[in-house]
């Protein structure tokens, strides 16, 4: 494995993992979102006090947050078409994800680009500032002691949405640039061979 010309990595988390195994012949090639998500900014006045989450990721911890905050409306992203996911994320003010983040995950990027504030657990790729480039005040160690602070942060995003939303402008811009970065990475890795 170490002798191949190079390994492609989609996240800095994966790069660090490869390097921990002594594999340094690596090149960055990240994916990008479907064009349906890369829309114009979602108007803030169309947002509702909804917190979206993926019940397949970190639900044992998310369930504790939900139980602690019965006054908040949590909506699972479950059995939905792409169109339904888009409609939910366009309405939601917040997306939470306390899963393992094994790579540069898709749904946090989809949520951010559709105007959600993103609150995550510091696991996997979400722990570093490159794969999930959001302010650290929206990232939490996944333990029960942090649940009150997580709930306060969610409520801040719901009640002061326009202010909190500005904290994700750089993240959204990086997501918008991903298709162009993908093409640039392709040329940097493979060149223009003409074949």
N, C-alpha and C. Protein backbone atom coordinates (compact mmCIF):
# COMPACT_ATOMS: atom_id res chain seq x y z
N UNK A 1 0.83 -1.20 0.00
CA UNK A 1 0.00 0.00 0.00
C UNK A 1 0.86 1.25 0.00
N UNK A 2 1.95 1.24 0.76
CA UNK A 2 2.81 2.42 0.82
C UNK A 2 3.55 2.69 -0.48
N UNK A 3 3.64 1.68 -1.34
CA UNK A 3 4.43 1.82 -2.55
C UNK A 3 3.66 2.38 -3.74
N UNK A 4 2.33 2.51 -3.65
CA UNK A 4 1.58 3.07 -4.78
C UNK A 4 2.01 4.52 -4.98
N UNK A 5 1.72 5.06 -6.17
CA UNK A 5 2.22 6.40 -6.50
C UNK A 5 1.71 7.44 -5.50
N UNK A 6 0.41 7.44 -5.22
CA UNK A 6 -0.13 8.33 -4.19
C UNK A 6 -1.51 7.87 -3.76
N UNK A 7 -1.90 8.30 -2.60
CA UNK A 7 -3.22 8.02 -2.04
C UNK A 7 -4.02 9.32 -2.07
N UNK A 8 -5.29 9.23 -2.39
CA UNK A 8 -6.16 10.41 -2.38
C UNK A 8 -6.88 10.47 -1.04
N UNK A 9 -6.96 11.66 -0.49
CA UNK A 9 -7.71 11.83 0.76
C UNK A 9 -8.74 12.94 0.58
N UNK A 10 -9.90 12.75 1.22
CA UNK A 10 -11.02 13.67 1.07
C UNK A 10 -11.10 14.64 2.25
N UNK A 11 -10.42 14.31 3.33
CA UNK A 11 -10.45 15.16 4.53
C UNK A 11 -9.08 15.20 5.16
N UNK A 12 -8.81 16.26 5.91
CA UNK A 12 -7.54 16.35 6.62
C UNK A 12 -7.48 15.31 7.73
N UNK A 13 -8.64 14.93 8.23
CA UNK A 13 -8.71 13.86 9.21
C UNK A 13 -8.15 12.56 8.62
N UNK A 14 -8.54 12.26 7.37
CA UNK A 14 -8.03 11.06 6.69
C UNK A 14 -6.54 11.19 6.42
N UNK A 15 -6.09 12.38 6.03
CA UNK A 15 -4.66 12.60 5.77
C UNK A 15 -3.85 12.30 7.03
N UNK A 16 -4.32 12.82 8.17
CA UNK A 16 -3.61 12.58 9.43
C UNK A 16 -3.58 11.09 9.77
N UNK A 17 -4.69 10.40 9.46
CA UNK A 17 -4.74 8.96 9.71
C UNK A 17 -3.70 8.23 8.86
N UNK A 18 -3.64 8.58 7.55
CA UNK A 18 -2.66 7.95 6.66
C UNK A 18 -1.24 8.22 7.15
N UNK A 19 -0.97 9.45 7.54
CA UNK A 19 0.37 9.79 8.01
C UNK A 19 0.72 9.06 9.30
N UNK A 20 -0.29 8.80 10.13
CA UNK A 20 -0.03 8.04 11.36
C UNK A 20 0.39 6.61 11.05
N UNK A 21 0.06 6.13 9.85
CA UNK A 21 0.46 4.79 9.40
C UNK A 21 1.75 4.82 8.60
N UNK A 22 2.36 6.02 8.51
CA UNK A 22 3.60 6.16 7.75
C UNK A 22 3.39 6.32 6.26
N UNK A 23 2.18 6.71 5.85
CA UNK A 23 1.88 6.91 4.43
C UNK A 23 1.86 8.41 4.16
N UNK A 24 2.86 8.87 3.40
CA UNK A 24 3.00 10.30 3.14
C UNK A 24 2.81 10.67 1.67
N UNK A 25 2.72 9.70 0.80
CA UNK A 25 2.52 9.99 -0.62
C UNK A 25 1.01 10.16 -0.88
N UNK A 26 0.52 11.36 -0.51
CA UNK A 26 -0.92 11.62 -0.53
C UNK A 26 -1.22 12.87 -1.36
N UNK A 27 -2.47 12.94 -1.82
CA UNK A 27 -2.94 14.11 -2.56
C UNK A 27 -4.40 14.37 -2.18
N UNK A 28 -4.75 15.63 -2.03
CA UNK A 28 -6.09 16.03 -1.61
C UNK A 28 -7.05 16.06 -2.80
N UNK A 29 -8.18 15.36 -2.67
CA UNK A 29 -9.23 15.41 -3.68
C UNK A 29 -10.56 15.26 -2.95
N UNK A 30 -11.22 16.38 -2.73
CA UNK A 30 -12.49 16.37 -1.99
C UNK A 30 -13.65 16.37 -2.96
N UNK A 31 -14.78 15.90 -2.46
CA UNK A 31 -16.00 15.93 -3.25
C UNK A 31 -16.68 17.29 -3.11
N UNK A 32 -17.86 17.42 -3.69
CA UNK A 32 -18.64 18.65 -3.58
C UNK A 32 -20.11 18.28 -3.59
N UNK A 33 -20.94 19.24 -3.20
CA UNK A 33 -22.37 18.99 -3.08
C UNK A 33 -23.06 18.98 -4.44
N UNK A 34 -24.18 18.29 -4.48
CA UNK A 34 -25.04 18.31 -5.65
C UNK A 34 -25.48 19.75 -5.92
N UNK A 35 -25.59 20.11 -7.17
CA UNK A 35 -25.97 21.48 -7.55
C UNK A 35 -27.29 21.94 -6.94
N UNK A 36 -28.18 21.00 -6.62
CA UNK A 36 -29.46 21.39 -6.03
C UNK A 36 -29.28 22.10 -4.69
N UNK A 37 -28.17 21.84 -4.02
CA UNK A 37 -27.90 22.48 -2.73
C UNK A 37 -27.19 23.82 -2.89
N UNK A 38 -26.51 23.99 -4.01
CA UNK A 38 -25.71 25.20 -4.21
C UNK A 38 -26.58 26.31 -4.77
N UNK A 39 -27.55 26.71 -3.96
CA UNK A 39 -28.52 27.71 -4.37
C UNK A 39 -28.12 29.08 -3.82
N UNK A 40 -28.90 30.06 -4.19
CA UNK A 40 -28.69 31.39 -3.61
C UNK A 40 -28.97 31.32 -2.10
N UNK A 41 -28.54 32.33 -1.38
CA UNK A 41 -28.77 32.37 0.06
C UNK A 41 -30.26 32.23 0.38
N UNK A 42 -30.54 31.48 1.45
CA UNK A 42 -31.92 31.31 1.89
C UNK A 42 -32.29 32.53 2.73
N UNK A 43 -33.39 33.22 2.40
CA UNK A 43 -33.77 34.42 3.16
C UNK A 43 -34.01 34.09 4.64
N UNK A 44 -33.44 34.86 5.56
CA UNK A 44 -33.59 34.57 6.99
C UNK A 44 -35.04 34.55 7.45
N UNK A 45 -35.90 35.33 6.82
CA UNK A 45 -37.29 35.38 7.28
C UNK A 45 -38.10 34.14 6.89
N UNK A 46 -37.49 33.23 6.12
CA UNK A 46 -38.18 31.98 5.79
C UNK A 46 -37.82 30.87 6.77
N UNK A 47 -36.93 31.16 7.68
CA UNK A 47 -36.47 30.16 8.64
C UNK A 47 -37.46 30.01 9.80
N UNK A 48 -37.50 28.78 10.33
CA UNK A 48 -38.37 28.48 11.47
C UNK A 48 -37.53 27.94 12.62
N UNK A 49 -38.09 27.94 13.81
CA UNK A 49 -37.38 27.45 15.01
C UNK A 49 -37.36 25.92 15.02
N UNK A 50 -36.59 25.38 14.09
CA UNK A 50 -36.48 23.93 13.92
C UNK A 50 -35.00 23.55 14.00
N UNK A 51 -34.73 22.42 14.67
CA UNK A 51 -33.39 21.84 14.73
C UNK A 51 -33.44 20.51 13.99
N UNK A 52 -32.71 20.40 12.89
CA UNK A 52 -32.64 19.16 12.12
C UNK A 52 -31.47 18.32 12.61
N UNK A 53 -31.63 17.00 12.49
CA UNK A 53 -30.54 16.09 12.86
C UNK A 53 -30.68 14.79 12.09
N UNK A 54 -29.56 14.09 11.95
CA UNK A 54 -29.54 12.79 11.28
C UNK A 54 -29.58 11.71 12.37
N UNK A 55 -30.69 10.96 12.47
CA UNK A 55 -30.80 9.97 13.55
C UNK A 55 -29.87 8.77 13.38
N UNK A 56 -29.18 8.68 12.25
CA UNK A 56 -28.24 7.58 12.04
C UNK A 56 -26.85 7.90 12.56
N UNK A 57 -26.67 9.13 13.04
CA UNK A 57 -25.33 9.56 13.48
C UNK A 57 -25.38 10.13 14.89
N UNK A 58 -24.77 9.44 15.81
CA UNK A 58 -24.66 9.94 17.17
C UNK A 58 -25.98 10.08 17.90
N UNK A 59 -26.96 9.26 17.56
CA UNK A 59 -28.29 9.46 18.13
C UNK A 59 -28.36 9.17 19.63
N UNK A 60 -27.51 8.27 20.12
CA UNK A 60 -27.56 7.98 21.57
C UNK A 60 -27.27 9.25 22.37
N UNK A 61 -26.40 10.12 21.84
CA UNK A 61 -26.11 11.39 22.52
C UNK A 61 -27.16 12.44 22.17
N UNK A 62 -27.55 12.51 20.91
CA UNK A 62 -28.57 13.48 20.49
C UNK A 62 -29.87 13.28 21.26
N UNK A 63 -30.20 12.03 21.54
CA UNK A 63 -31.42 11.72 22.30
C UNK A 63 -31.40 12.40 23.67
N UNK A 64 -30.22 12.48 24.29
CA UNK A 64 -30.10 13.14 25.60
C UNK A 64 -30.34 14.64 25.46
N UNK A 65 -29.85 15.22 24.38
CA UNK A 65 -30.08 16.65 24.14
C UNK A 65 -31.57 16.92 23.95
N UNK A 66 -32.21 16.08 23.16
CA UNK A 66 -33.65 16.23 22.91
C UNK A 66 -34.44 16.13 24.21
N UNK A 67 -34.06 15.17 25.06
CA UNK A 67 -34.77 14.98 26.34
C UNK A 67 -34.57 16.17 27.27
N UNK A 68 -33.43 16.84 27.15
CA UNK A 68 -33.13 17.98 28.01
C UNK A 68 -33.83 19.26 27.55
N UNK A 69 -34.27 19.29 26.30
CA UNK A 69 -34.84 20.52 25.73
C UNK A 69 -36.19 20.25 25.09
N UNK A 70 -37.21 19.93 25.90
CA UNK A 70 -38.53 19.62 25.33
C UNK A 70 -39.21 20.83 24.67
N UNK A 71 -38.71 22.03 24.94
CA UNK A 71 -39.28 23.23 24.34
C UNK A 71 -38.73 23.53 22.94
N UNK A 72 -37.79 22.69 22.46
CA UNK A 72 -37.21 22.87 21.13
C UNK A 72 -37.79 21.82 20.19
N UNK A 73 -38.06 22.22 18.96
CA UNK A 73 -38.58 21.30 17.95
C UNK A 73 -37.41 20.67 17.19
N UNK A 74 -37.22 19.38 17.38
CA UNK A 74 -36.18 18.62 16.69
C UNK A 74 -36.84 17.78 15.60
N UNK A 75 -36.29 17.82 14.40
CA UNK A 75 -36.85 17.06 13.28
C UNK A 75 -35.77 16.16 12.69
N UNK A 76 -36.01 14.83 12.69
CA UNK A 76 -35.01 13.92 12.13
C UNK A 76 -35.02 13.93 10.60
N UNK A 77 -33.84 13.82 10.02
CA UNK A 77 -33.72 13.63 8.57
C UNK A 77 -33.79 12.13 8.36
N UNK A 78 -35.00 11.65 8.06
CA UNK A 78 -35.23 10.22 8.01
C UNK A 78 -36.24 9.90 6.92
N UNK A 79 -35.91 8.90 6.10
CA UNK A 79 -36.79 8.47 5.00
C UNK A 79 -37.25 9.65 4.14
N UNK A 80 -36.31 10.50 3.78
CA UNK A 80 -36.63 11.69 2.97
C UNK A 80 -35.92 11.62 1.63
N UNK A 81 -36.59 12.12 0.61
CA UNK A 81 -35.95 12.29 -0.68
C UNK A 81 -35.00 13.48 -0.60
N UNK A 82 -34.16 13.64 -1.62
CA UNK A 82 -33.26 14.80 -1.63
C UNK A 82 -34.06 16.10 -1.56
N UNK A 83 -35.15 16.16 -2.29
CA UNK A 83 -35.99 17.35 -2.29
C UNK A 83 -36.55 17.64 -0.90
N UNK A 84 -36.96 16.60 -0.20
CA UNK A 84 -37.51 16.78 1.15
C UNK A 84 -36.43 17.23 2.13
N UNK A 85 -35.21 16.70 1.97
CA UNK A 85 -34.10 17.14 2.82
C UNK A 85 -33.84 18.62 2.58
N UNK A 86 -33.82 19.01 1.32
CA UNK A 86 -33.59 20.42 0.99
C UNK A 86 -34.66 21.30 1.62
N UNK A 87 -35.92 20.90 1.50
CA UNK A 87 -37.00 21.71 2.07
C UNK A 87 -36.87 21.83 3.59
N UNK A 88 -36.51 20.73 4.26
CA UNK A 88 -36.34 20.78 5.71
C UNK A 88 -35.18 21.71 6.08
N UNK A 89 -34.04 21.56 5.42
CA UNK A 89 -32.87 22.37 5.78
C UNK A 89 -33.07 23.84 5.41
N UNK A 90 -33.89 24.13 4.42
CA UNK A 90 -34.19 25.52 4.09
C UNK A 90 -35.06 26.16 5.19
N UNK A 91 -35.85 25.35 5.89
CA UNK A 91 -36.70 25.86 6.97
C UNK A 91 -35.98 25.91 8.31
N UNK A 92 -35.12 24.91 8.57
CA UNK A 92 -34.47 24.79 9.88
C UNK A 92 -33.46 25.92 10.10
N UNK A 93 -33.36 26.34 11.34
CA UNK A 93 -32.32 27.32 11.70
C UNK A 93 -31.03 26.64 12.14
N UNK A 94 -31.14 25.39 12.61
CA UNK A 94 -29.99 24.71 13.19
C UNK A 94 -29.94 23.27 12.69
N UNK A 95 -28.71 22.79 12.48
CA UNK A 95 -28.47 21.37 12.23
C UNK A 95 -27.45 20.91 13.27
N UNK A 96 -27.73 19.79 13.94
CA UNK A 96 -26.79 19.26 14.93
C UNK A 96 -26.29 17.89 14.47
N UNK A 97 -25.03 17.59 14.80
CA UNK A 97 -24.44 16.32 14.39
C UNK A 97 -23.39 15.91 15.42
N UNK A 98 -23.71 14.87 16.19
CA UNK A 98 -22.78 14.38 17.20
C UNK A 98 -22.29 12.97 16.86
N UNK A 99 -22.23 12.70 15.54
CA UNK A 99 -21.71 11.42 15.06
C UNK A 99 -20.20 11.40 15.04
N UNK A 100 -19.65 10.38 14.36
CA UNK A 100 -18.21 10.16 14.37
C UNK A 100 -17.43 10.97 13.34
N UNK A 101 -18.10 11.55 12.35
CA UNK A 101 -17.44 12.36 11.31
C UNK A 101 -16.19 11.66 10.76
N UNK A 102 -16.39 10.53 10.06
CA UNK A 102 -15.24 9.80 9.53
C UNK A 102 -14.54 10.49 8.36
N UNK A 103 -15.19 11.48 7.79
CA UNK A 103 -14.61 12.26 6.69
C UNK A 103 -15.27 13.63 6.68
N UNK A 104 -15.11 14.33 5.57
CA UNK A 104 -15.75 15.65 5.43
C UNK A 104 -17.21 15.38 5.09
N UNK A 105 -18.04 15.27 6.10
CA UNK A 105 -19.41 14.78 5.92
C UNK A 105 -20.26 15.72 5.06
N UNK A 106 -21.22 15.12 4.40
CA UNK A 106 -22.05 15.83 3.43
C UNK A 106 -23.14 16.66 4.10
N UNK A 107 -23.90 16.08 5.04
CA UNK A 107 -25.07 16.78 5.56
C UNK A 107 -24.71 18.07 6.31
N UNK A 108 -23.65 18.14 7.10
CA UNK A 108 -23.33 19.45 7.69
C UNK A 108 -23.09 20.53 6.64
N UNK A 109 -22.45 20.15 5.52
CA UNK A 109 -22.22 21.12 4.45
C UNK A 109 -23.53 21.52 3.77
N UNK A 110 -24.41 20.53 3.56
CA UNK A 110 -25.72 20.83 2.97
C UNK A 110 -26.51 21.77 3.87
N UNK A 111 -26.47 21.49 5.17
CA UNK A 111 -27.20 22.33 6.13
C UNK A 111 -26.66 23.75 6.13
N UNK A 112 -25.34 23.88 6.17
CA UNK A 112 -24.73 25.21 6.20
C UNK A 112 -25.08 26.01 4.95
N UNK A 113 -24.99 25.38 3.78
CA UNK A 113 -25.22 26.10 2.53
C UNK A 113 -26.68 26.53 2.42
N UNK A 114 -27.58 25.81 3.11
CA UNK A 114 -29.00 26.16 3.10
C UNK A 114 -29.39 27.03 4.29
N UNK A 115 -28.39 27.65 4.92
CA UNK A 115 -28.64 28.67 5.94
C UNK A 115 -28.78 28.19 7.35
N UNK A 116 -28.41 26.95 7.64
CA UNK A 116 -28.49 26.47 9.02
C UNK A 116 -27.22 26.83 9.79
N UNK A 117 -27.38 27.11 11.06
CA UNK A 117 -26.25 27.14 11.97
C UNK A 117 -25.92 25.67 12.26
N UNK A 118 -24.65 25.34 12.34
CA UNK A 118 -24.23 23.95 12.49
C UNK A 118 -23.53 23.77 13.84
N UNK A 119 -24.04 22.83 14.63
CA UNK A 119 -23.47 22.53 15.95
C UNK A 119 -23.04 21.07 15.92
N UNK A 120 -21.77 20.80 16.22
CA UNK A 120 -21.24 19.44 16.07
C UNK A 120 -20.47 19.00 17.31
N UNK A 121 -20.28 17.69 17.37
CA UNK A 121 -19.41 17.11 18.37
C UNK A 121 -17.99 17.07 17.84
N UNK A 122 -17.02 17.20 18.72
CA UNK A 122 -15.61 17.19 18.32
C UNK A 122 -15.12 15.76 18.16
N UNK A 123 -15.62 15.11 17.12
CA UNK A 123 -15.19 13.75 16.80
C UNK A 123 -14.71 13.74 15.35
N UNK A 124 -13.75 12.89 15.06
CA UNK A 124 -13.29 12.72 13.69
C UNK A 124 -12.93 14.03 13.03
N UNK A 125 -13.43 14.21 11.81
CA UNK A 125 -13.07 15.39 11.03
C UNK A 125 -13.63 16.68 11.61
N UNK A 126 -14.68 16.59 12.42
CA UNK A 126 -15.26 17.81 13.01
C UNK A 126 -14.37 18.43 14.07
N UNK A 127 -13.39 17.68 14.54
CA UNK A 127 -12.51 18.20 15.60
C UNK A 127 -11.48 19.18 15.06
N UNK A 128 -11.22 19.14 13.75
CA UNK A 128 -10.19 20.04 13.22
C UNK A 128 -10.82 21.25 12.53
N UNK A 129 -10.07 22.32 12.34
CA UNK A 129 -10.62 23.55 11.76
C UNK A 129 -10.64 23.57 10.23
N UNK A 130 -10.21 22.48 9.60
CA UNK A 130 -10.11 22.45 8.13
C UNK A 130 -11.31 21.75 7.49
N UNK A 131 -11.70 20.61 8.03
CA UNK A 131 -12.80 19.84 7.44
C UNK A 131 -14.17 20.41 7.80
N UNK A 132 -14.30 20.92 9.01
CA UNK A 132 -15.54 21.59 9.43
C UNK A 132 -15.12 22.97 9.97
N UNK A 133 -14.91 23.92 9.04
CA UNK A 133 -14.37 25.23 9.44
C UNK A 133 -15.43 26.18 10.00
N UNK A 134 -15.88 25.86 11.19
CA UNK A 134 -16.84 26.72 11.89
C UNK A 134 -16.20 27.18 13.19
N UNK A 135 -16.70 28.29 13.76
CA UNK A 135 -16.12 28.75 15.03
C UNK A 135 -16.19 27.67 16.11
N UNK A 136 -15.17 27.63 16.94
CA UNK A 136 -15.05 26.60 17.97
C UNK A 136 -16.20 26.63 18.98
N UNK A 137 -16.88 27.76 19.11
CA UNK A 137 -17.98 27.83 20.08
C UNK A 137 -19.17 26.97 19.65
N UNK A 138 -19.15 26.46 18.41
CA UNK A 138 -20.21 25.57 17.93
C UNK A 138 -19.76 24.11 17.89
N UNK A 139 -18.59 23.82 18.48
CA UNK A 139 -18.06 22.46 18.55
C UNK A 139 -17.92 22.05 20.01
N UNK A 140 -18.35 20.84 20.33
CA UNK A 140 -18.37 20.39 21.72
C UNK A 140 -17.81 18.98 21.85
N UNK A 141 -17.08 18.76 22.94
CA UNK A 141 -16.74 17.39 23.31
C UNK A 141 -18.06 16.68 23.60
N UNK A 142 -18.14 15.43 23.14
CA UNK A 142 -19.38 14.67 23.29
C UNK A 142 -19.40 13.99 24.66
N UNK A 143 -19.91 14.73 25.65
CA UNK A 143 -20.10 14.17 26.99
C UNK A 143 -21.28 14.86 27.65
N UNK A 144 -21.87 14.19 28.60
CA UNK A 144 -23.11 14.67 29.24
C UNK A 144 -22.93 16.01 29.93
N UNK A 145 -21.72 16.29 30.42
CA UNK A 145 -21.47 17.57 31.11
C UNK A 145 -21.68 18.76 30.16
N UNK A 146 -21.52 18.54 28.86
CA UNK A 146 -21.65 19.63 27.89
C UNK A 146 -23.07 19.84 27.38
N UNK A 147 -24.00 18.98 27.76
CA UNK A 147 -25.36 19.11 27.24
C UNK A 147 -25.98 20.47 27.56
N UNK A 148 -25.87 21.00 28.78
CA UNK A 148 -26.45 22.34 29.03
C UNK A 148 -25.87 23.42 28.11
N UNK A 149 -24.56 23.37 27.88
CA UNK A 149 -23.93 24.36 27.00
C UNK A 149 -24.38 24.17 25.55
N UNK A 150 -24.55 22.92 25.14
CA UNK A 150 -25.03 22.65 23.78
C UNK A 150 -26.44 23.20 23.61
N UNK A 151 -27.30 22.96 24.58
CA UNK A 151 -28.68 23.46 24.51
C UNK A 151 -28.69 24.99 24.48
N UNK A 152 -27.84 25.61 25.29
CA UNK A 152 -27.76 27.09 25.27
C UNK A 152 -27.32 27.58 23.89
N UNK A 153 -26.39 26.89 23.28
CA UNK A 153 -25.91 27.29 21.96
C UNK A 153 -27.01 27.12 20.92
N UNK A 154 -27.74 26.02 20.98
CA UNK A 154 -28.86 25.82 20.06
C UNK A 154 -29.89 26.94 20.23
N UNK A 155 -30.21 27.27 21.48
CA UNK A 155 -31.20 28.33 21.73
C UNK A 155 -30.70 29.69 21.26
N UNK A 156 -29.40 29.93 21.43
CA UNK A 156 -28.83 31.17 20.90
C UNK A 156 -29.03 31.23 19.39
N UNK A 157 -28.76 30.14 18.70
CA UNK A 157 -28.94 30.10 17.24
C UNK A 157 -30.40 30.31 16.84
N UNK A 158 -31.31 29.76 17.63
CA UNK A 158 -32.74 29.92 17.32
C UNK A 158 -33.22 31.34 17.59
N UNK A 159 -32.83 31.89 18.73
CA UNK A 159 -33.37 33.19 19.15
C UNK A 159 -32.59 34.38 18.62
N UNK A 160 -31.32 34.16 18.27
CA UNK A 160 -30.50 35.23 17.69
C UNK A 160 -29.97 34.75 16.34
N UNK A 161 -30.87 34.23 15.54
CA UNK A 161 -30.48 33.55 14.31
C UNK A 161 -29.64 34.42 13.38
N UNK A 162 -30.08 35.64 13.15
CA UNK A 162 -29.36 36.46 12.16
C UNK A 162 -27.93 36.73 12.60
N UNK A 163 -27.73 36.94 13.90
CA UNK A 163 -26.38 37.16 14.42
C UNK A 163 -25.55 35.87 14.34
N UNK A 164 -26.13 34.77 14.79
CA UNK A 164 -25.41 33.49 14.77
C UNK A 164 -25.11 33.05 13.34
N UNK A 165 -26.05 33.29 12.45
CA UNK A 165 -25.92 32.88 11.06
C UNK A 165 -24.67 33.47 10.40
N UNK A 166 -24.31 34.67 10.79
CA UNK A 166 -23.12 35.32 10.21
C UNK A 166 -21.84 34.54 10.53
N UNK A 167 -21.85 33.78 11.63
CA UNK A 167 -20.66 33.01 12.01
C UNK A 167 -20.34 31.89 11.02
N UNK A 168 -21.27 31.59 10.13
CA UNK A 168 -21.09 30.48 9.20
C UNK A 168 -20.84 30.93 7.76
N UNK A 169 -20.63 32.23 7.57
CA UNK A 169 -20.43 32.77 6.22
C UNK A 169 -19.19 32.17 5.56
N UNK A 170 -18.10 32.05 6.29
CA UNK A 170 -16.87 31.51 5.71
C UNK A 170 -17.04 30.03 5.35
N UNK A 171 -17.74 29.29 6.19
CA UNK A 171 -18.01 27.87 5.92
C UNK A 171 -18.81 27.73 4.64
N UNK A 172 -19.86 28.55 4.52
CA UNK A 172 -20.69 28.50 3.31
C UNK A 172 -19.87 28.83 2.06
N UNK A 173 -19.02 29.82 2.17
CA UNK A 173 -18.21 30.19 1.02
C UNK A 173 -17.27 29.06 0.62
N UNK A 174 -16.71 28.37 1.60
CA UNK A 174 -15.81 27.25 1.28
C UNK A 174 -16.59 26.13 0.59
N UNK A 175 -17.84 25.91 1.01
CA UNK A 175 -18.68 24.88 0.37
C UNK A 175 -19.01 25.29 -1.06
N UNK A 176 -19.31 26.56 -1.27
CA UNK A 176 -19.61 27.04 -2.63
C UNK A 176 -18.41 26.87 -3.57
N UNK A 177 -17.21 26.95 -3.04
CA UNK A 177 -16.01 26.86 -3.86
C UNK A 177 -15.57 25.42 -4.13
N UNK A 178 -16.24 24.44 -3.50
CA UNK A 178 -15.79 23.05 -3.63
C UNK A 178 -15.79 22.52 -5.07
N UNK A 179 -16.79 22.82 -5.92
CA UNK A 179 -16.71 22.31 -7.31
C UNK A 179 -15.46 22.81 -8.03
N UNK A 180 -15.14 24.07 -7.87
CA UNK A 180 -13.95 24.65 -8.51
C UNK A 180 -12.68 24.04 -7.93
N UNK A 181 -12.66 23.85 -6.60
CA UNK A 181 -11.48 23.25 -5.96
C UNK A 181 -11.27 21.81 -6.42
N UNK A 182 -12.39 21.11 -6.68
CA UNK A 182 -12.30 19.73 -7.17
C UNK A 182 -11.60 19.70 -8.52
N UNK A 183 -12.00 20.58 -9.42
CA UNK A 183 -11.38 20.63 -10.75
C UNK A 183 -9.91 21.01 -10.64
N UNK A 184 -9.60 22.00 -9.79
CA UNK A 184 -8.21 22.40 -9.59
C UNK A 184 -7.38 21.23 -9.05
N UNK A 185 -7.94 20.49 -8.11
CA UNK A 185 -7.23 19.34 -7.55
C UNK A 185 -7.02 18.26 -8.59
N UNK A 186 -8.02 18.03 -9.43
CA UNK A 186 -7.89 17.03 -10.49
C UNK A 186 -6.72 17.36 -11.41
N UNK A 187 -6.63 18.63 -11.83
CA UNK A 187 -5.52 19.04 -12.71
C UNK A 187 -4.18 18.96 -11.97
N UNK A 188 -4.19 19.34 -10.69
CA UNK A 188 -2.94 19.28 -9.92
C UNK A 188 -2.46 17.84 -9.77
N UNK A 189 -3.38 16.91 -9.62
CA UNK A 189 -3.01 15.52 -9.41
C UNK A 189 -2.68 14.80 -10.73
N UNK A 190 -3.59 14.95 -11.69
CA UNK A 190 -3.48 14.18 -12.92
C UNK A 190 -2.97 14.97 -14.12
N UNK A 191 -2.95 16.31 -14.00
CA UNK A 191 -2.51 17.15 -15.11
C UNK A 191 -3.50 17.11 -16.25
N UNK A 192 -3.15 17.76 -17.33
CA UNK A 192 -4.00 17.77 -18.52
C UNK A 192 -3.35 16.83 -19.53
N UNK A 193 -3.70 15.55 -19.42
CA UNK A 193 -3.02 14.54 -20.23
C UNK A 193 -3.51 14.52 -21.67
N UNK A 194 -4.75 14.98 -21.89
CA UNK A 194 -5.29 14.97 -23.24
C UNK A 194 -5.67 13.57 -23.71
N UNK A 195 -5.76 12.60 -22.77
CA UNK A 195 -6.19 11.26 -23.18
C UNK A 195 -7.39 10.79 -22.39
